[in-house]
Amino acid sequence: MIDEQSTKQFSLLTMLNNSHRYGLVMAGILILFSIILYLTDSNIFNIGISILSFVINISVLIAGMVMASNKYRDSYLNGSFNYGKCLLSAWTTGFVAIIVSGIFMFLFYTFFDPEFMPRQLQEFRTMMEDKIPEEQLEEIMIKSEKSLQPMNQLIGTLIASFIQSGIIALIVSIFIKKKDQSFDSQFKDIA
């Protein structure tokens, strides 16, 4: 009789389902954090808020990638996971989270409150008026206005999410991968 545990193998479909579930949960957390910032009328260009936002976003991504990859490794692969498969699992999880939250923010700022970003930019301008030269501030404002238009933000989010989730997944996967130490695996190469 064949042991059910020893026949478990990598399945791309199972891995994608697992990654998507965790990615959607992570996206929900990121969206909730963004809504809290919106409801508290926090200035997203404030250095303290920017740092807090960065730390929370990275923490959610790392935690979600680790949980999703560990769950897949332990539930579907008998506790062993090579680096490539682990990287794919972690990257997919992070990518889903960032894409879904990015699309939500695009829809939110396009249809629910299109004046939010211009207001935030005006607060930033007021905050920086006495701190940097006028011509430099004007150049920053022009670039910011262009990059904060909803469609430009969505395109930027798509590109950044691909890169950001990939970089984090490269690092996270180093710590999650686990070599198969079972007795049977030690003799696979010999046969």
N, C-alpha and C. Protein backbone atom coordinates (compact mmCIF):
# COMPACT_ATOMS: atom_id res chain seq x y z
N MET A 1 0.84 -1.19 0.00
CA MET A 1 0.00 0.00 0.00
C MET A 1 0.88 1.24 0.00
N ILE A 2 0.62 2.16 -0.90
CA ILE A 2 1.43 3.37 -1.03
C ILE A 2 0.94 4.41 -0.02
N ASP A 3 1.89 4.98 0.70
CA ASP A 3 1.59 6.03 1.68
C ASP A 3 1.17 7.29 0.93
N GLU A 4 0.00 7.83 1.32
CA GLU A 4 -0.52 9.02 0.65
C GLU A 4 0.43 10.21 0.79
N GLN A 5 1.08 10.35 1.90
CA GLN A 5 2.00 11.46 2.14
C GLN A 5 3.18 11.42 1.19
N SER A 6 3.70 10.25 0.87
CA SER A 6 4.90 10.17 0.03
C SER A 6 4.60 10.45 -1.43
N THR A 7 3.33 10.46 -1.85
CA THR A 7 2.99 10.69 -3.24
C THR A 7 2.69 12.15 -3.54
N LYS A 8 2.72 13.01 -2.55
CA LYS A 8 2.44 14.43 -2.78
C LYS A 8 3.57 15.04 -3.59
N GLN A 9 3.18 15.81 -4.62
CA GLN A 9 4.16 16.46 -5.48
C GLN A 9 3.69 17.88 -5.77
N PHE A 10 4.61 18.65 -6.31
CA PHE A 10 4.32 20.03 -6.67
C PHE A 10 3.24 20.07 -7.74
N SER A 11 2.24 20.92 -7.52
CA SER A 11 1.19 21.16 -8.50
C SER A 11 1.06 22.67 -8.66
N LEU A 12 1.27 23.15 -9.86
CA LEU A 12 1.19 24.58 -10.12
C LEU A 12 -0.19 25.13 -9.77
N LEU A 13 -1.23 24.41 -10.13
CA LEU A 13 -2.59 24.86 -9.85
C LEU A 13 -2.84 24.98 -8.34
N THR A 14 -2.42 23.99 -7.59
CA THR A 14 -2.59 24.02 -6.13
C THR A 14 -1.79 25.17 -5.53
N MET A 15 -0.58 25.37 -6.01
CA MET A 15 0.26 26.46 -5.51
C MET A 15 -0.38 27.82 -5.82
N LEU A 16 -0.90 27.99 -7.03
CA LEU A 16 -1.54 29.25 -7.41
C LEU A 16 -2.79 29.51 -6.57
N ASN A 17 -3.59 28.46 -6.34
CA ASN A 17 -4.77 28.62 -5.48
C ASN A 17 -4.38 29.05 -4.08
N ASN A 18 -3.37 28.43 -3.52
CA ASN A 18 -2.89 28.78 -2.19
C ASN A 18 -2.37 30.22 -2.17
N SER A 19 -1.57 30.58 -3.16
CA SER A 19 -1.00 31.93 -3.22
C SER A 19 -2.08 32.99 -3.40
N HIS A 20 -3.07 32.70 -4.21
CA HIS A 20 -4.14 33.67 -4.43
C HIS A 20 -4.96 33.89 -3.16
N ARG A 21 -5.24 32.83 -2.44
CA ARG A 21 -6.00 32.98 -1.18
C ARG A 21 -5.26 33.91 -0.22
N TYR A 22 -3.99 33.63 -0.01
CA TYR A 22 -3.20 34.45 0.90
C TYR A 22 -3.01 35.87 0.34
N GLY A 23 -2.82 35.98 -0.95
CA GLY A 23 -2.66 37.30 -1.57
C GLY A 23 -3.89 38.16 -1.41
N LEU A 24 -5.07 37.56 -1.51
CA LEU A 24 -6.31 38.31 -1.32
C LEU A 24 -6.47 38.78 0.13
N VAL A 25 -6.08 37.94 1.07
CA VAL A 25 -6.14 38.34 2.48
C VAL A 25 -5.18 39.50 2.72
N MET A 26 -3.97 39.40 2.17
CA MET A 26 -3.00 40.48 2.32
C MET A 26 -3.52 41.77 1.68
N ALA A 27 -4.13 41.66 0.51
CA ALA A 27 -4.70 42.83 -0.17
C ALA A 27 -5.76 43.47 0.71
N GLY A 28 -6.58 42.64 1.36
CA GLY A 28 -7.60 43.17 2.26
C GLY A 28 -6.99 43.97 3.40
N ILE A 29 -5.89 43.48 3.95
CA ILE A 29 -5.21 44.19 5.04
C ILE A 29 -4.63 45.51 4.52
N LEU A 30 -4.00 45.49 3.35
CA LEU A 30 -3.43 46.71 2.78
C LEU A 30 -4.52 47.73 2.45
N ILE A 31 -5.65 47.26 1.95
CA ILE A 31 -6.77 48.14 1.65
C ILE A 31 -7.32 48.74 2.94
N LEU A 32 -7.47 47.92 3.96
CA LEU A 32 -7.96 48.41 5.25
C LEU A 32 -7.04 49.50 5.80
N PHE A 33 -5.74 49.29 5.72
CA PHE A 33 -4.79 50.30 6.18
C PHE A 33 -4.94 51.60 5.39
N SER A 34 -5.11 51.48 4.07
CA SER A 34 -5.29 52.68 3.23
C SER A 34 -6.58 53.41 3.58
N ILE A 35 -7.63 52.67 3.87
CA ILE A 35 -8.90 53.30 4.26
C ILE A 35 -8.76 54.01 5.61
N ILE A 36 -8.02 53.40 6.53
CA ILE A 36 -7.78 54.04 7.82
C ILE A 36 -7.03 55.36 7.61
N LEU A 37 -6.01 55.35 6.77
CA LEU A 37 -5.30 56.60 6.47
C LEU A 37 -6.24 57.63 5.86
N TYR A 38 -7.11 57.18 4.97
CA TYR A 38 -8.06 58.08 4.34
C TYR A 38 -9.04 58.66 5.36
N LEU A 39 -9.60 57.79 6.20
CA LEU A 39 -10.60 58.25 7.18
C LEU A 39 -10.02 59.17 8.24
N THR A 40 -8.75 58.99 8.56
CA THR A 40 -8.11 59.86 9.55
C THR A 40 -7.53 61.11 8.90
N ASP A 41 -7.73 61.24 7.59
CA ASP A 41 -7.26 62.37 6.81
C ASP A 41 -5.76 62.62 7.02
N SER A 42 -5.02 61.51 7.03
CA SER A 42 -3.57 61.59 7.20
C SER A 42 -2.92 62.10 5.92
N ASN A 43 -1.91 62.93 6.07
CA ASN A 43 -1.17 63.42 4.92
C ASN A 43 -0.18 62.35 4.51
N ILE A 44 -0.43 61.71 3.38
CA ILE A 44 0.40 60.60 2.94
C ILE A 44 1.80 61.03 2.56
N PHE A 45 2.03 62.32 2.40
CA PHE A 45 3.36 62.82 2.07
C PHE A 45 4.15 63.21 3.32
N ASN A 46 3.53 63.11 4.47
CA ASN A 46 4.23 63.36 5.74
C ASN A 46 5.26 62.25 5.93
N ILE A 47 6.46 62.62 6.36
CA ILE A 47 7.54 61.64 6.46
C ILE A 47 7.20 60.51 7.44
N GLY A 48 6.57 60.84 8.56
CA GLY A 48 6.19 59.82 9.54
C GLY A 48 5.16 58.85 8.98
N ILE A 49 4.16 59.38 8.29
CA ILE A 49 3.12 58.54 7.68
C ILE A 49 3.73 57.70 6.57
N SER A 50 4.63 58.29 5.80
CA SER A 50 5.28 57.54 4.71
C SER A 50 6.09 56.37 5.25
N ILE A 51 6.84 56.60 6.32
CA ILE A 51 7.64 55.52 6.92
C ILE A 51 6.72 54.45 7.50
N LEU A 52 5.69 54.87 8.23
CA LEU A 52 4.74 53.92 8.81
C LEU A 52 4.08 53.09 7.71
N SER A 53 3.67 53.74 6.65
CA SER A 53 3.03 53.05 5.53
C SER A 53 3.99 52.04 4.89
N PHE A 54 5.23 52.45 4.69
CA PHE A 54 6.24 51.55 4.11
C PHE A 54 6.45 50.33 5.00
N VAL A 55 6.61 50.55 6.30
CA VAL A 55 6.86 49.44 7.23
C VAL A 55 5.67 48.48 7.27
N ILE A 56 4.47 49.02 7.32
CA ILE A 56 3.28 48.16 7.37
C ILE A 56 3.14 47.39 6.06
N ASN A 57 3.31 48.04 4.92
CA ASN A 57 3.19 47.37 3.63
C ASN A 57 4.21 46.24 3.49
N ILE A 58 5.46 46.52 3.82
CA ILE A 58 6.50 45.49 3.71
C ILE A 58 6.24 44.35 4.69
N SER A 59 5.83 44.70 5.91
CA SER A 59 5.55 43.67 6.93
C SER A 59 4.42 42.75 6.49
N VAL A 60 3.36 43.34 5.96
CA VAL A 60 2.23 42.53 5.48
C VAL A 60 2.67 41.63 4.34
N LEU A 61 3.46 42.16 3.41
CA LEU A 61 3.94 41.35 2.28
C LEU A 61 4.82 40.20 2.76
N ILE A 62 5.76 40.49 3.62
CA ILE A 62 6.66 39.43 4.11
C ILE A 62 5.88 38.38 4.88
N ALA A 63 5.02 38.82 5.80
CA ALA A 63 4.25 37.87 6.61
C ALA A 63 3.36 37.00 5.73
N GLY A 64 2.68 37.60 4.77
CA GLY A 64 1.82 36.84 3.88
C GLY A 64 2.57 35.86 3.01
N MET A 65 3.72 36.29 2.48
CA MET A 65 4.53 35.40 1.66
C MET A 65 5.03 34.21 2.47
N VAL A 66 5.47 34.48 3.69
CA VAL A 66 5.97 33.41 4.55
C VAL A 66 4.85 32.44 4.91
N MET A 67 3.70 32.97 5.31
CA MET A 67 2.58 32.09 5.69
C MET A 67 2.09 31.26 4.50
N ALA A 68 1.94 31.90 3.34
CA ALA A 68 1.45 31.17 2.16
C ALA A 68 2.43 30.08 1.75
N SER A 69 3.71 30.41 1.70
CA SER A 69 4.71 29.43 1.28
C SER A 69 4.86 28.30 2.29
N ASN A 70 4.85 28.65 3.58
CA ASN A 70 4.93 27.60 4.61
C ASN A 70 3.72 26.68 4.56
N LYS A 71 2.55 27.26 4.37
CA LYS A 71 1.32 26.45 4.29
C LYS A 71 1.40 25.49 3.10
N TYR A 72 1.81 26.00 1.95
CA TYR A 72 1.91 25.15 0.78
C TYR A 72 2.97 24.07 0.98
N ARG A 73 4.12 24.46 1.49
CA ARG A 73 5.21 23.51 1.71
C ARG A 73 4.80 22.40 2.67
N ASP A 74 4.19 22.77 3.78
CA ASP A 74 3.85 21.79 4.80
C ASP A 74 2.61 20.96 4.46
N SER A 75 1.64 21.56 3.78
CA SER A 75 0.39 20.85 3.47
C SER A 75 0.45 20.03 2.18
N TYR A 76 1.22 20.49 1.21
CA TYR A 76 1.19 19.85 -0.09
C TYR A 76 2.50 19.21 -0.54
N LEU A 77 3.61 19.52 0.13
CA LEU A 77 4.90 19.02 -0.33
C LEU A 77 5.69 18.27 0.75
N ASN A 78 5.00 17.73 1.72
CA ASN A 78 5.66 16.96 2.79
C ASN A 78 6.75 17.74 3.51
N GLY A 79 6.64 19.03 3.55
CA GLY A 79 7.60 19.84 4.29
C GLY A 79 8.87 20.18 3.55
N SER A 80 9.00 19.82 2.29
CA SER A 80 10.21 20.18 1.54
C SER A 80 9.83 21.11 0.38
N PHE A 81 10.71 22.03 0.08
CA PHE A 81 10.41 23.07 -0.89
C PHE A 81 11.72 23.55 -1.49
N ASN A 82 11.93 23.39 -2.78
CA ASN A 82 13.17 23.92 -3.36
C ASN A 82 13.03 25.43 -3.57
N TYR A 83 14.14 26.08 -3.81
CA TYR A 83 14.15 27.55 -3.88
C TYR A 83 13.27 28.08 -5.01
N GLY A 84 13.31 27.48 -6.17
CA GLY A 84 12.53 27.96 -7.32
C GLY A 84 11.03 27.91 -7.07
N LYS A 85 10.56 26.80 -6.55
CA LYS A 85 9.12 26.66 -6.27
C LYS A 85 8.70 27.60 -5.14
N CYS A 86 9.56 27.75 -4.16
CA CYS A 86 9.29 28.66 -3.06
C CYS A 86 9.22 30.10 -3.56
N LEU A 87 10.15 30.46 -4.43
CA LEU A 87 10.17 31.80 -5.02
C LEU A 87 8.88 32.05 -5.80
N LEU A 88 8.45 31.10 -6.59
CA LEU A 88 7.22 31.24 -7.37
C LEU A 88 6.01 31.43 -6.45
N SER A 89 5.94 30.65 -5.39
CA SER A 89 4.84 30.76 -4.43
C SER A 89 4.83 32.13 -3.76
N ALA A 90 5.97 32.55 -3.25
CA ALA A 90 6.05 33.83 -2.54
C ALA A 90 5.78 35.00 -3.49
N TRP A 91 6.38 34.96 -4.68
CA TRP A 91 6.21 36.05 -5.64
C TRP A 91 4.75 36.17 -6.06
N THR A 92 4.10 35.06 -6.35
CA THR A 92 2.69 35.09 -6.75
C THR A 92 1.82 35.67 -5.64
N THR A 93 2.09 35.28 -4.41
CA THR A 93 1.31 35.78 -3.28
C THR A 93 1.45 37.29 -3.16
N GLY A 94 2.66 37.79 -3.19
CA GLY A 94 2.89 39.23 -3.08
C GLY A 94 2.33 39.99 -4.26
N PHE A 95 2.47 39.45 -5.45
CA PHE A 95 1.98 40.11 -6.65
C PHE A 95 0.47 40.27 -6.60
N VAL A 96 -0.23 39.22 -6.20
CA VAL A 96 -1.69 39.28 -6.09
C VAL A 96 -2.09 40.36 -5.08
N ALA A 97 -1.42 40.39 -3.94
CA ALA A 97 -1.75 41.37 -2.90
C ALA A 97 -1.58 42.80 -3.40
N ILE A 98 -0.46 43.08 -4.04
CA ILE A 98 -0.19 44.44 -4.48
C ILE A 98 -1.09 44.84 -5.63
N ILE A 99 -1.33 43.93 -6.56
CA ILE A 99 -2.20 44.23 -7.70
C ILE A 99 -3.63 44.52 -7.24
N VAL A 100 -4.18 43.66 -6.40
CA VAL A 100 -5.57 43.84 -5.95
C VAL A 100 -5.70 45.14 -5.16
N SER A 101 -4.78 45.41 -4.25
CA SER A 101 -4.87 46.65 -3.47
C SER A 101 -4.65 47.86 -4.38
N GLY A 102 -3.76 47.74 -5.38
CA GLY A 102 -3.53 48.84 -6.32
C GLY A 102 -4.76 49.14 -7.17
N ILE A 103 -5.43 48.10 -7.63
CA ILE A 103 -6.65 48.30 -8.42
C ILE A 103 -7.74 48.93 -7.56
N PHE A 104 -7.84 48.48 -6.31
CA PHE A 104 -8.82 49.09 -5.41
C PHE A 104 -8.55 50.58 -5.25
N MET A 105 -7.27 50.94 -5.01
CA MET A 105 -6.93 52.34 -4.80
C MET A 105 -7.21 53.15 -6.07
N PHE A 106 -6.92 52.57 -7.22
CA PHE A 106 -7.23 53.25 -8.48
C PHE A 106 -8.72 53.55 -8.58
N LEU A 107 -9.55 52.55 -8.33
CA LEU A 107 -11.00 52.74 -8.39
C LEU A 107 -11.48 53.73 -7.33
N PHE A 108 -10.92 53.64 -6.14
CA PHE A 108 -11.30 54.51 -5.04
C PHE A 108 -11.01 55.97 -5.38
N TYR A 109 -9.79 56.25 -5.84
CA TYR A 109 -9.39 57.63 -6.12
C TYR A 109 -9.94 58.14 -7.44
N THR A 110 -10.39 57.25 -8.30
CA THR A 110 -10.98 57.68 -9.57
C THR A 110 -12.47 57.98 -9.41
N PHE A 111 -13.19 57.12 -8.69
CA PHE A 111 -14.64 57.25 -8.63
C PHE A 111 -15.18 57.75 -7.29
N PHE A 112 -14.57 57.36 -6.19
CA PHE A 112 -15.11 57.73 -4.88
C PHE A 112 -14.65 59.12 -4.44
N ASP A 113 -13.36 59.39 -4.51
CA ASP A 113 -12.85 60.70 -4.10
C ASP A 113 -11.71 61.14 -5.02
N PRO A 114 -12.07 61.64 -6.20
CA PRO A 114 -11.03 62.07 -7.14
C PRO A 114 -10.23 63.28 -6.67
N GLU A 115 -10.72 63.98 -5.67
CA GLU A 115 -10.03 65.17 -5.18
C GLU A 115 -9.05 64.86 -4.05
N PHE A 116 -8.97 63.61 -3.63
CA PHE A 116 -8.09 63.26 -2.50
C PHE A 116 -6.62 63.52 -2.82
N MET A 117 -6.13 63.02 -3.92
CA MET A 117 -4.72 63.20 -4.27
C MET A 117 -4.37 64.66 -4.52
N PRO A 118 -5.18 65.42 -5.25
CA PRO A 118 -4.85 66.85 -5.38
C PRO A 118 -4.80 67.58 -4.03
N ARG A 119 -5.69 67.20 -3.11
CA ARG A 119 -5.67 67.79 -1.76
C ARG A 119 -4.37 67.44 -1.04
N GLN A 120 -3.98 66.17 -1.13
CA GLN A 120 -2.74 65.72 -0.49
C GLN A 120 -1.54 66.46 -1.07
N LEU A 121 -1.55 66.64 -2.38
CA LEU A 121 -0.45 67.36 -3.03
C LEU A 121 -0.39 68.82 -2.59
N GLN A 122 -1.55 69.43 -2.44
CA GLN A 122 -1.59 70.83 -1.98
C GLN A 122 -1.06 70.94 -0.55
N GLU A 123 -1.41 69.98 0.30
CA GLU A 123 -0.88 69.98 1.67
C GLU A 123 0.64 69.80 1.65
N PHE A 124 1.12 68.97 0.75
CA PHE A 124 2.56 68.77 0.62
C PHE A 124 3.23 70.08 0.19
N ARG A 125 2.63 70.76 -0.77
CA ARG A 125 3.18 72.04 -1.25
C ARG A 125 3.26 73.05 -0.11
N THR A 126 2.20 73.15 0.66
CA THR A 126 2.18 74.08 1.79
C THR A 126 3.26 73.72 2.80
N MET A 127 3.42 72.45 3.05
CA MET A 127 4.40 71.98 4.02
C MET A 127 5.84 72.27 3.55
N MET A 128 6.08 72.24 2.25
CA MET A 128 7.44 72.36 1.71
C MET A 128 7.81 73.78 1.22
N GLU A 129 6.87 74.71 1.23
CA GLU A 129 7.10 76.03 0.64
C GLU A 129 8.33 76.74 1.21
N ASP A 130 8.53 76.72 2.49
CA ASP A 130 9.66 77.42 3.09
C ASP A 130 10.91 76.56 3.20
N LYS A 131 10.82 75.31 2.80
CA LYS A 131 11.94 74.39 3.01
C LYS A 131 12.80 74.17 1.78
N ILE A 132 12.24 74.32 0.59
CA ILE A 132 13.03 74.15 -0.62
C ILE A 132 12.76 75.32 -1.56
N PRO A 133 13.69 75.61 -2.49
CA PRO A 133 13.49 76.73 -3.42
C PRO A 133 12.24 76.57 -4.27
N GLU A 134 11.64 77.70 -4.63
CA GLU A 134 10.37 77.71 -5.35
C GLU A 134 10.43 76.95 -6.68
N GLU A 135 11.50 77.15 -7.46
CA GLU A 135 11.59 76.48 -8.77
C GLU A 135 11.74 74.97 -8.61
N GLN A 136 12.45 74.53 -7.58
CA GLN A 136 12.59 73.09 -7.32
C GLN A 136 11.25 72.51 -6.86
N LEU A 137 10.54 73.25 -6.03
CA LEU A 137 9.22 72.80 -5.56
C LEU A 137 8.25 72.70 -6.74
N GLU A 138 8.31 73.67 -7.63
CA GLU A 138 7.41 73.66 -8.79
C GLU A 138 7.69 72.44 -9.67
N GLU A 139 8.96 72.11 -9.85
CA GLU A 139 9.34 70.94 -10.64
C GLU A 139 8.82 69.65 -9.98
N ILE A 140 8.95 69.56 -8.66
CA ILE A 140 8.46 68.39 -7.91
C ILE A 140 6.95 68.28 -8.05
N MET A 141 6.26 69.40 -7.96
CA MET A 141 4.80 69.39 -8.04
C MET A 141 4.32 68.94 -9.42
N ILE A 142 4.99 69.39 -10.47
CA ILE A 142 4.59 68.99 -11.83
C ILE A 142 4.77 67.49 -12.02
N LYS A 143 5.91 66.97 -11.59
CA LYS A 143 6.16 65.53 -11.70
C LYS A 143 5.17 64.73 -10.84
N SER A 144 4.90 65.23 -9.64
CA SER A 144 3.97 64.54 -8.74
C SER A 144 2.56 64.51 -9.29
N GLU A 145 2.11 65.65 -9.83
CA GLU A 145 0.76 65.71 -10.39
C GLU A 145 0.61 64.72 -11.54
N LYS A 146 1.64 64.63 -12.35
CA LYS A 146 1.59 63.70 -13.48
C LYS A 146 1.57 62.25 -13.00
N SER A 147 2.44 61.91 -12.04
CA SER A 147 2.52 60.53 -11.57
C SER A 147 1.33 60.13 -10.70
N LEU A 148 0.63 61.10 -10.11
CA LEU A 148 -0.50 60.77 -9.24
C LEU A 148 -1.84 60.76 -9.96
N GLN A 149 -1.84 60.95 -11.27
CA GLN A 149 -3.08 60.78 -12.01
C GLN A 149 -3.45 59.31 -11.94
N PRO A 150 -4.74 58.98 -11.76
CA PRO A 150 -5.14 57.59 -11.50
C PRO A 150 -4.59 56.55 -12.49
N MET A 151 -4.62 56.83 -13.78
CA MET A 151 -4.14 55.84 -14.75
C MET A 151 -2.62 55.67 -14.62
N ASN A 152 -1.89 56.76 -14.42
CA ASN A 152 -0.44 56.66 -14.22
C ASN A 152 -0.11 55.90 -12.94
N GLN A 153 -0.93 56.12 -11.91
CA GLN A 153 -0.73 55.38 -10.66
C GLN A 153 -0.94 53.89 -10.88
N LEU A 154 -1.98 53.53 -11.62
CA LEU A 154 -2.27 52.11 -11.88
C LEU A 154 -1.13 51.46 -12.65
N ILE A 155 -0.65 52.13 -13.68
CA ILE A 155 0.47 51.59 -14.46
C ILE A 155 1.71 51.47 -13.58
N GLY A 156 1.97 52.50 -12.79
CA GLY A 156 3.11 52.46 -11.87
C GLY A 156 2.99 51.33 -10.86
N THR A 157 1.77 51.11 -10.37
CA THR A 157 1.53 50.03 -9.41
C THR A 157 1.79 48.68 -10.05
N LEU A 158 1.34 48.49 -11.28
CA LEU A 158 1.57 47.22 -11.97
C LEU A 158 3.06 46.93 -12.11
N ILE A 159 3.80 47.91 -12.54
CA ILE A 159 5.24 47.72 -12.73
C ILE A 159 5.94 47.53 -11.38
N ALA A 160 5.62 48.39 -10.43
CA ALA A 160 6.27 48.32 -9.11
C ALA A 160 5.92 47.03 -8.39
N SER A 161 4.68 46.56 -8.53
CA SER A 161 4.28 45.34 -7.83
C SER A 161 5.04 44.13 -8.36
N PHE A 162 5.26 44.10 -9.64
CA PHE A 162 6.02 43.01 -10.24
C PHE A 162 7.44 42.99 -9.66
N ILE A 163 8.06 44.15 -9.63
CA ILE A 163 9.44 44.26 -9.15
C ILE A 163 9.51 44.09 -7.63
N GLN A 164 8.67 44.83 -6.91
CA GLN A 164 8.71 44.79 -5.44
C GLN A 164 8.43 43.40 -4.89
N SER A 165 7.38 42.76 -5.38
CA SER A 165 7.07 41.43 -4.87
C SER A 165 8.16 40.43 -5.27
N GLY A 166 8.78 40.64 -6.42
CA GLY A 166 9.87 39.76 -6.84
C GLY A 166 11.09 39.88 -5.94
N ILE A 167 11.47 41.11 -5.60
CA ILE A 167 12.64 41.32 -4.74
C ILE A 167 12.39 40.74 -3.35
N ILE A 168 11.23 41.03 -2.79
CA ILE A 168 10.92 40.50 -1.45
C ILE A 168 10.86 38.97 -1.49
N ALA A 169 10.26 38.42 -2.55
CA ALA A 169 10.16 36.95 -2.67
C ALA A 169 11.54 36.31 -2.79
N LEU A 170 12.47 36.96 -3.50
CA LEU A 170 13.84 36.44 -3.60
C LEU A 170 14.46 36.26 -2.22
N ILE A 171 14.25 37.24 -1.37
CA ILE A 171 14.84 37.21 -0.02
C ILE A 171 14.09 36.23 0.88
N VAL A 172 12.76 36.32 0.89
CA VAL A 172 11.95 35.46 1.75
C VAL A 172 12.18 33.98 1.43
N SER A 173 12.30 33.66 0.16
CA SER A 173 12.45 32.26 -0.27
C SER A 173 13.71 31.61 0.26
N ILE A 174 14.73 32.41 0.48
CA ILE A 174 15.98 31.87 1.03
C ILE A 174 15.71 31.22 2.38
N PHE A 175 14.83 31.82 3.17
CA PHE A 175 14.58 31.35 4.53
C PHE A 175 13.48 30.29 4.61
N ILE A 176 12.65 30.18 3.58
CA ILE A 176 11.54 29.24 3.62
C ILE A 176 11.88 27.90 2.99
N LYS A 177 12.73 27.92 1.96
CA LYS A 177 13.05 26.67 1.26
C LYS A 177 13.53 25.64 2.28
N LYS A 178 13.25 24.41 1.98
CA LYS A 178 13.61 23.34 2.90
C LYS A 178 13.90 22.09 2.11
N LYS A 179 15.07 21.54 2.31
CA LYS A 179 15.49 20.34 1.59
C LYS A 179 14.74 19.13 2.14
N ASP A 180 14.38 18.24 1.24
CA ASP A 180 13.72 16.99 1.62
C ASP A 180 14.75 16.10 2.32
N GLN A 181 14.54 15.84 3.58
CA GLN A 181 15.47 15.03 4.37
C GLN A 181 14.96 13.60 4.59
N SER A 182 13.90 13.21 3.88
CA SER A 182 13.35 11.88 4.09
C SER A 182 14.32 10.80 3.61
N PHE A 183 14.16 9.61 4.14
CA PHE A 183 15.02 8.49 3.80
C PHE A 183 14.94 8.17 2.31
N ASP A 184 13.71 8.18 1.76
CA ASP A 184 13.52 7.87 0.34
C ASP A 184 14.23 8.88 -0.57
N SER A 185 14.20 10.16 -0.19
CA SER A 185 14.80 11.17 -1.04
C SER A 185 16.32 11.04 -1.13
N GLN A 186 16.93 10.44 -0.16
CA GLN A 186 18.37 10.27 -0.17
C GLN A 186 18.83 9.28 -1.23
N PHE A 187 17.92 8.43 -1.71
CA PHE A 187 18.28 7.41 -2.68
C PHE A 187 17.70 7.68 -4.07
N LYS A 188 17.01 8.81 -4.27
CA LYS A 188 16.44 9.10 -5.58
C LYS A 188 17.51 9.29 -6.64
N ASP A 189 18.61 9.95 -6.29
CA ASP A 189 19.66 10.22 -7.26
C ASP A 189 20.44 8.96 -7.65
N ILE A 190 20.46 8.00 -6.77
CA ILE A 190 21.24 6.76 -7.01
C ILE A 190 20.53 5.89 -8.04
N ALA A 191 19.19 5.82 -7.94
CA ALA A 191 18.42 4.91 -8.79
C ALA A 191 18.33 5.36 -10.19
